[in-house]
Protein backbone atom coordinates (compact mmCIF):
# COMPACT_ATOMS: atom_id res chain seq x y z
CA MET A 1 -17.58 6.14 44.83
CA THR A 2 -18.72 5.51 41.26
CA ILE A 3 -16.26 6.59 38.59
CA THR A 4 -17.66 7.48 35.20
CA LEU A 5 -15.11 6.98 32.46
CA PRO A 6 -15.00 9.36 29.49
CA ALA A 7 -16.12 8.08 26.14
CA ALA A 8 -13.58 6.48 23.86
CA LEU A 9 -12.30 8.67 21.08
CA THR A 10 -13.81 8.11 17.69
CA PRO A 11 -11.57 7.69 14.63
CA GLY A 12 -10.89 10.96 12.87
CA GLN A 13 -11.45 13.16 15.91
CA PRO A 14 -9.11 16.17 15.86
CA ILE A 15 -6.19 16.50 18.26
CA SER A 16 -4.94 19.79 19.69
CA VAL A 17 -1.24 20.62 19.43
CA VAL A 18 0.29 23.69 21.08
CA ILE A 19 3.70 25.10 20.16
CA PRO A 20 4.95 28.07 22.20
CA THR A 21 7.76 30.10 20.67
CA PHE A 22 9.96 33.06 21.51
CA ASP A 23 12.59 34.43 19.13
CA ARG A 24 13.16 31.10 17.40
CA GLY A 25 12.30 32.10 13.86
CA SER A 26 15.34 30.27 12.55
CA VAL A 27 14.28 26.84 13.86
CA LEU A 28 10.51 27.24 14.19
CA PRO A 29 9.73 26.00 10.63
CA ARG A 30 11.13 22.57 11.48
CA ALA A 31 8.68 22.13 14.37
CA VAL A 32 5.68 23.57 12.54
CA ARG A 33 6.24 21.51 9.39
CA SER A 34 6.57 18.34 11.46
CA VAL A 35 3.12 18.95 12.93
CA LEU A 36 1.53 19.82 9.59
CA ALA A 37 3.03 16.62 8.12
CA GLN A 38 1.30 14.30 10.62
CA THR A 39 -0.50 11.23 9.33
CA ILE A 40 -3.47 12.48 11.36
CA THR A 41 -4.71 15.40 9.31
CA ARG A 42 -7.54 16.71 11.53
CA LEU A 43 -5.47 19.09 13.60
CA ASP A 44 -6.43 21.82 16.03
CA PHE A 45 -3.00 23.46 15.86
CA VAL A 46 -2.19 26.53 17.96
CA VAL A 47 1.14 28.39 17.81
CA VAL A 48 1.63 30.92 20.61
CA ASP A 49 4.08 33.71 19.83
CA ASP A 50 5.39 34.74 23.26
CA GLY A 51 6.29 38.29 22.32
CA SER A 52 9.00 37.48 19.78
CA THR A 53 11.18 40.33 18.54
CA ASP A 54 12.83 38.48 15.64
CA ASP A 55 11.28 37.42 12.33
CA THR A 56 8.88 34.90 13.91
CA ALA A 57 5.77 36.72 12.64
CA LYS A 58 7.10 36.70 9.08
CA VAL A 59 8.09 33.03 9.32
CA LEU A 60 4.62 32.04 10.54
CA ALA A 61 2.92 34.11 7.84
CA GLU A 62 4.90 32.27 5.19
CA MET A 63 3.76 28.90 6.59
CA ALA A 64 0.06 29.83 6.75
CA ASP A 65 -2.17 26.75 6.85
CA PRO A 66 -5.92 26.51 7.55
CA ARG A 67 -5.19 23.98 10.30
CA MET A 68 -2.89 26.41 12.16
CA ARG A 69 -3.97 29.33 14.33
CA ILE A 70 -1.55 31.93 15.69
CA VAL A 71 -2.08 33.52 19.10
CA ARG A 72 0.14 36.31 20.36
CA GLN A 73 0.92 37.58 23.84
CA GLU A 74 3.55 39.85 25.38
CA HIS A 75 6.67 38.02 26.54
CA LEU A 76 5.41 36.17 29.64
CA GLY A 77 7.34 32.91 29.46
CA VAL A 78 6.84 29.40 28.15
CA CYS A 79 4.43 28.23 30.88
CA ARG A 80 2.01 31.08 30.29
CA ALA A 81 2.34 30.55 26.54
CA ARG A 82 1.52 26.84 26.83
CA ASN A 83 -1.46 27.55 29.07
CA LEU A 84 -2.75 30.22 26.70
CA GLY A 85 -2.49 27.78 23.82
CA ALA A 86 -4.34 25.12 25.84
CA ARG A 87 -7.15 27.58 26.54
CA HIS A 88 -7.48 28.22 22.81
CA ALA A 89 -7.43 24.48 22.05
CA SER A 90 -10.71 22.71 21.39
CA ALA A 91 -10.00 19.02 20.75
CA PRO A 92 -10.42 16.39 23.50
CA LEU A 93 -6.74 15.42 23.41
CA LEU A 94 -3.86 17.82 23.92
CA ALA A 95 -0.13 17.59 23.13
CA PHE A 96 2.69 20.12 23.31
CA LEU A 97 5.81 20.53 21.21
CA ASP A 98 8.66 23.00 21.74
CA SER A 99 9.54 25.24 18.83
CA ASP A 100 13.07 23.88 18.39
CA ASP A 101 12.00 20.22 18.35
CA GLU A 102 10.56 17.93 15.69
CA ALA A 103 7.88 15.25 15.70
CA SER A 104 7.89 12.13 13.57
CA ALA A 105 5.10 11.82 11.01
CA PHE A 106 3.42 9.14 13.18
CA TRP A 107 3.70 11.12 16.43
CA LEU A 108 0.02 11.94 16.92
CA GLU A 109 -1.25 8.70 15.39
CA ARG A 110 0.82 6.48 17.71
CA LEU A 111 0.49 8.64 20.80
CA SER A 112 -3.29 8.91 20.49
CA ALA A 113 -3.85 5.17 19.88
CA PRO A 114 -4.09 4.24 23.60
CA PHE A 115 -7.02 6.64 24.02
CA ALA A 116 -9.24 4.28 22.06
CA ASP A 117 -9.61 2.76 25.53
CA PRO A 118 -11.83 5.16 27.53
CA ALA A 119 -9.94 4.22 30.70
CA VAL A 120 -6.78 6.01 29.50
CA GLY A 121 -6.09 9.58 30.62
CA ILE A 122 -2.45 10.10 29.62
CA ALA A 123 -0.07 8.50 27.13
CA CYS A 124 3.68 9.04 26.89
CA CYS A 125 6.34 8.05 24.37
CA GLY A 126 10.08 7.84 23.95
CA PHE A 127 12.29 10.46 22.35
CA THR A 128 15.67 10.98 20.77
CA LEU A 129 17.80 13.63 22.47
CA HIS A 130 20.12 15.65 20.24
CA THR A 131 22.82 17.68 22.02
CA ALA A 132 24.65 20.78 20.85
CA GLY A 133 27.75 18.59 20.57
CA GLY A 134 26.10 16.47 17.88
CA THR A 135 25.39 13.35 19.95
CA GLU A 136 22.12 11.41 19.87
CA GLU A 137 20.60 9.38 22.67
CA ARG A 138 17.41 7.33 22.56
CA ARG A 139 15.32 7.39 25.72
CA ASP A 140 12.33 5.09 26.10
CA PRO A 141 9.43 5.46 28.56
CA ALA A 142 10.13 4.04 32.01
CA PRO A 143 8.54 4.02 35.49
CA LEU A 144 9.31 7.31 37.24
CA GLY A 145 9.42 5.94 40.80
CA PRO A 146 7.43 6.38 44.02
CA ALA A 147 7.12 10.18 43.79
CA PHE A 148 5.13 9.61 40.59
CA ASP A 149 3.19 6.58 41.86
CA GLY A 150 5.38 4.25 39.80
CA GLN A 151 3.77 5.48 36.59
CA PRO A 152 5.65 5.75 33.28
CA GLY A 153 7.13 8.92 31.88
CA PRO A 154 8.66 11.15 30.46
CA TYR A 155 6.69 14.39 30.64
CA LEU A 156 8.77 16.68 28.47
CA ALA A 157 6.92 18.69 25.84
CA GLY A 158 6.34 16.39 22.90
CA THR A 159 6.55 13.17 24.91
CA PHE A 160 3.06 13.04 26.38
CA MET A 161 -0.58 13.47 25.40
CA VAL A 162 -3.34 14.18 27.89
CA ARG A 163 -7.10 14.56 27.94
CA ARG A 164 -7.60 18.30 27.70
CA ASP A 165 -10.16 18.41 30.48
CA LEU A 166 -7.71 16.65 32.81
CA PHE A 167 -5.01 19.20 31.99
CA ALA A 168 -7.48 22.00 32.73
CA GLU A 169 -8.59 20.32 35.97
CA VAL A 170 -5.08 20.49 37.47
CA GLY A 171 -4.63 24.10 36.37
CA GLY A 172 -2.12 23.53 33.58
CA TYR A 173 1.51 24.54 33.94
CA ASP A 174 2.65 26.46 37.02
CA GLU A 175 3.20 29.92 35.53
CA GLU A 176 5.60 30.94 38.30
CA LEU A 177 8.17 28.36 37.20
CA THR A 178 11.01 28.91 34.75
CA TYR A 179 12.64 25.51 35.26
CA SER A 180 11.33 22.04 36.22
CA GLU A 181 7.87 22.97 34.97
CA ASN A 182 7.35 19.62 33.23
CA THR A 183 8.30 17.63 36.34
CA GLU A 184 6.05 19.80 38.49
CA LEU A 185 3.14 19.29 36.10
CA ALA A 186 3.65 15.52 36.28
CA LEU A 187 3.58 15.66 40.08
CA ARG A 188 0.01 17.04 39.84
CA LEU A 189 -1.20 15.41 36.65
CA ILE A 190 -0.41 11.81 37.56
CA PRO A 191 -2.30 11.77 40.90
CA ALA A 192 -5.26 13.57 39.31
CA CYS A 193 -5.36 11.03 36.49
CA LEU A 194 -5.27 8.06 38.87
CA ALA A 195 -7.87 9.68 41.16
CA ARG A 196 -10.25 9.73 38.21
CA GLY A 197 -9.72 6.01 37.76
CA LEU A 198 -7.84 6.60 34.51
CA ALA A 199 -4.71 4.77 33.38
CA ILE A 200 -1.42 6.03 32.00
CA ARG A 201 0.00 4.17 29.01
CA ALA A 202 3.46 4.16 27.45
CA VAL A 203 4.19 3.93 23.74
CA PRO A 204 7.61 2.21 23.60
CA GLU A 205 9.19 4.04 20.69
CA PRO A 206 10.83 7.44 20.14
CA LEU A 207 8.31 9.65 18.37
CA VAL A 208 9.97 13.05 18.80
CA ASP A 209 13.42 14.55 18.36
CA LEU A 210 14.28 16.90 21.23
CA HIS A 211 17.16 19.34 20.91
CA SER A 212 19.22 20.40 23.92
CA ASN A 213 20.64 23.84 23.16
CA ARG A 214 21.74 25.09 26.57
CA PRO A 215 24.19 27.99 26.20
CA PRO A 216 27.66 27.32 27.66
CA GLY A 217 28.96 29.02 30.77
CA PHE A 218 27.37 30.77 33.73
CA ASP A 219 24.24 32.90 33.51
CA ARG A 220 23.48 34.55 36.84
CA ARG A 221 19.86 35.34 36.01
CA ALA A 222 19.25 31.77 34.87
CA LEU A 223 20.66 30.46 38.15
CA GLU A 224 18.47 32.82 40.18
CA LEU A 225 15.38 31.68 38.31
CA GLY A 226 16.50 28.06 38.57
CA LEU A 227 16.97 28.29 42.34
CA ALA A 228 13.58 29.93 42.78
CA SER A 229 11.98 27.22 40.66
CA SER A 230 13.67 24.41 42.60
CA GLU A 231 12.55 25.84 45.92
CA ARG A 232 9.00 26.37 44.69
CA VAL A 233 8.71 22.75 43.53
CA LEU A 234 10.16 21.49 46.82
CA ALA A 235 7.79 23.65 48.86
CA ARG A 236 4.77 22.53 46.86
CA HIS A 237 5.59 18.82 46.62
CA ASP A 238 7.91 18.10 49.55
CA ALA A 239 5.95 15.11 50.91
CA ARG A 240 5.47 13.50 47.51
CA LEU A 241 9.10 13.95 46.46
CA ALA A 242 10.26 12.54 49.80
CA ARG A 243 8.68 9.19 48.84
CA ASP A 244 11.75 8.66 46.64
CA ARG A 245 14.98 9.40 48.49
CA ARG A 246 17.04 9.57 45.31
CA VAL A 247 14.74 12.06 43.59
CA TYR A 248 14.34 14.10 46.79
CA ALA A 249 18.10 14.29 47.26
CA LEU A 250 18.60 15.21 43.60
CA PHE A 251 16.16 18.13 43.82
CA HIS A 252 17.87 19.49 46.93
CA ALA A 253 21.33 18.95 45.45
CA THR A 254 20.33 20.85 42.29
CA ALA A 255 19.01 23.72 44.39
CA GLY A 256 22.17 23.65 46.46
CA VAL A 257 24.48 23.85 43.46
CA ARG A 258 22.52 26.79 42.07
CA ALA A 259 22.71 28.58 45.43
CA ALA A 260 26.44 27.87 45.74
CA ARG A 261 27.16 29.24 42.28
CA LEU A 262 25.32 32.39 43.28
CA GLY A 263 27.55 32.67 46.35
CA GLU A 264 24.67 31.87 48.74
CA LEU A 265 26.55 29.25 50.74
CA ALA A 266 24.20 29.22 53.75
CA CYS A 267 21.30 28.35 51.47
CA ALA A 268 23.46 25.80 49.69
CA ARG A 269 24.41 24.11 52.98
CA THR A 270 20.75 23.69 53.91
CA HIS A 271 19.97 21.94 50.64
CA PHE A 272 23.12 19.80 50.64
CA LEU A 273 22.47 18.68 54.24
CA THR A 274 18.96 17.59 53.30
CA ALA A 275 20.38 15.72 50.30
CA VAL A 276 22.90 13.92 52.55
CA ARG A 277 20.18 12.91 55.01
CA ALA A 278 17.97 11.64 52.20
CA GLN A 279 20.73 9.71 50.43
CA PRO A 280 23.70 9.27 52.79
CA ALA A 281 25.43 6.70 50.58
CA ASN A 282 25.89 9.22 47.76
CA TRP A 283 29.35 10.71 48.35
CA ARG A 284 28.72 13.62 45.99
CA HIS A 285 26.15 15.13 48.36
CA ALA A 286 28.62 14.90 51.25
CA ALA A 287 31.41 16.42 49.15
CA ARG A 288 29.22 19.37 48.19
CA LEU A 289 28.20 19.89 51.81
CA LEU A 290 31.88 19.92 52.81
CA LEU A 291 32.69 22.52 50.16
CA ALA A 292 29.76 24.72 51.17
CA SER A 293 30.70 24.39 54.87
CA CYS A 294 34.20 25.74 54.24
CA PRO A 295 33.86 29.23 52.68
CA PRO A 296 37.42 29.34 51.30
CA LEU A 297 36.87 26.02 49.50
CA GLY A 298 33.40 27.08 48.42
CA ALA A 299 34.78 30.35 47.07
CA LEU A 300 37.51 28.49 45.23
CA VAL A 301 35.02 26.22 43.48
CA TRP A 302 31.97 28.46 43.08
CA GLY A 303 32.82 31.99 44.24
CA ARG A 304 34.98 33.03 41.29
CA VAL A 305 32.21 32.30 38.83
CA ALA A 306 29.63 34.13 40.94
CA ALA A 307 31.91 37.15 41.27
CA ASP A 308 32.47 37.27 37.52
CA GLU A 309 28.77 37.81 36.95
CA ARG A 310 28.23 40.62 39.48
């Protein structure tokens, strides 16, 4: 089979950036300004308002810029918002940024540099994680393991750039997912990239600041959506995830914990048993299976929280 590589990017070509947002008017300006302040000035910048009910429309109007377009949809979730933004994008390269995060001024310049080689289909970079507790942690690109063909990651919004036609080829984000959507995209995007004969390059420096703002405590609806997402990813990518016993066990363990917190101990046992079989040396999987196999113990650990949310 003859593989025809895409043309190298020419200097000055625009880059598409998509920011989805929902009710984040208070932090959205930080993300938008960081994109407008890029050293690369030829931007195809799309902000998708996912049905916000706060002052997002007013905030965006006050930051009007000829390089920024605003697209609105009813509240359909971040995956649909990202995909809508990608469909409105027009540049050959595509990057995403979440509306509570911030890119360095050199983000697009450094992340797009590998694409001067026409054999590159995806580039990823490091990031700095900021937690609600005020801590900072630098994370650099690293190989993701056998489930991802040993290619580098991460694939969080803001940490990767992809040829837009490649993103479209795999169908974009899975719009049925609420959690793990970035991992699931990588499980499709990486094989498609390699099948085209394209390479994946890592830029070894943190170019974005990501903010982890998970609310404390138990949210029953979030756990239900999380469990459904975990099971959808496992059903769709079971064979590929099973290439890496650690990752496979982790996915099942995560699904099991979510099921246990919802009081669904039979479902939890199934996931924990699979995790034990995949990674028998990890005592945590065995401990969780033991708890889920003894309803009184399971209720003591997980049942009280589940009952509180009914």
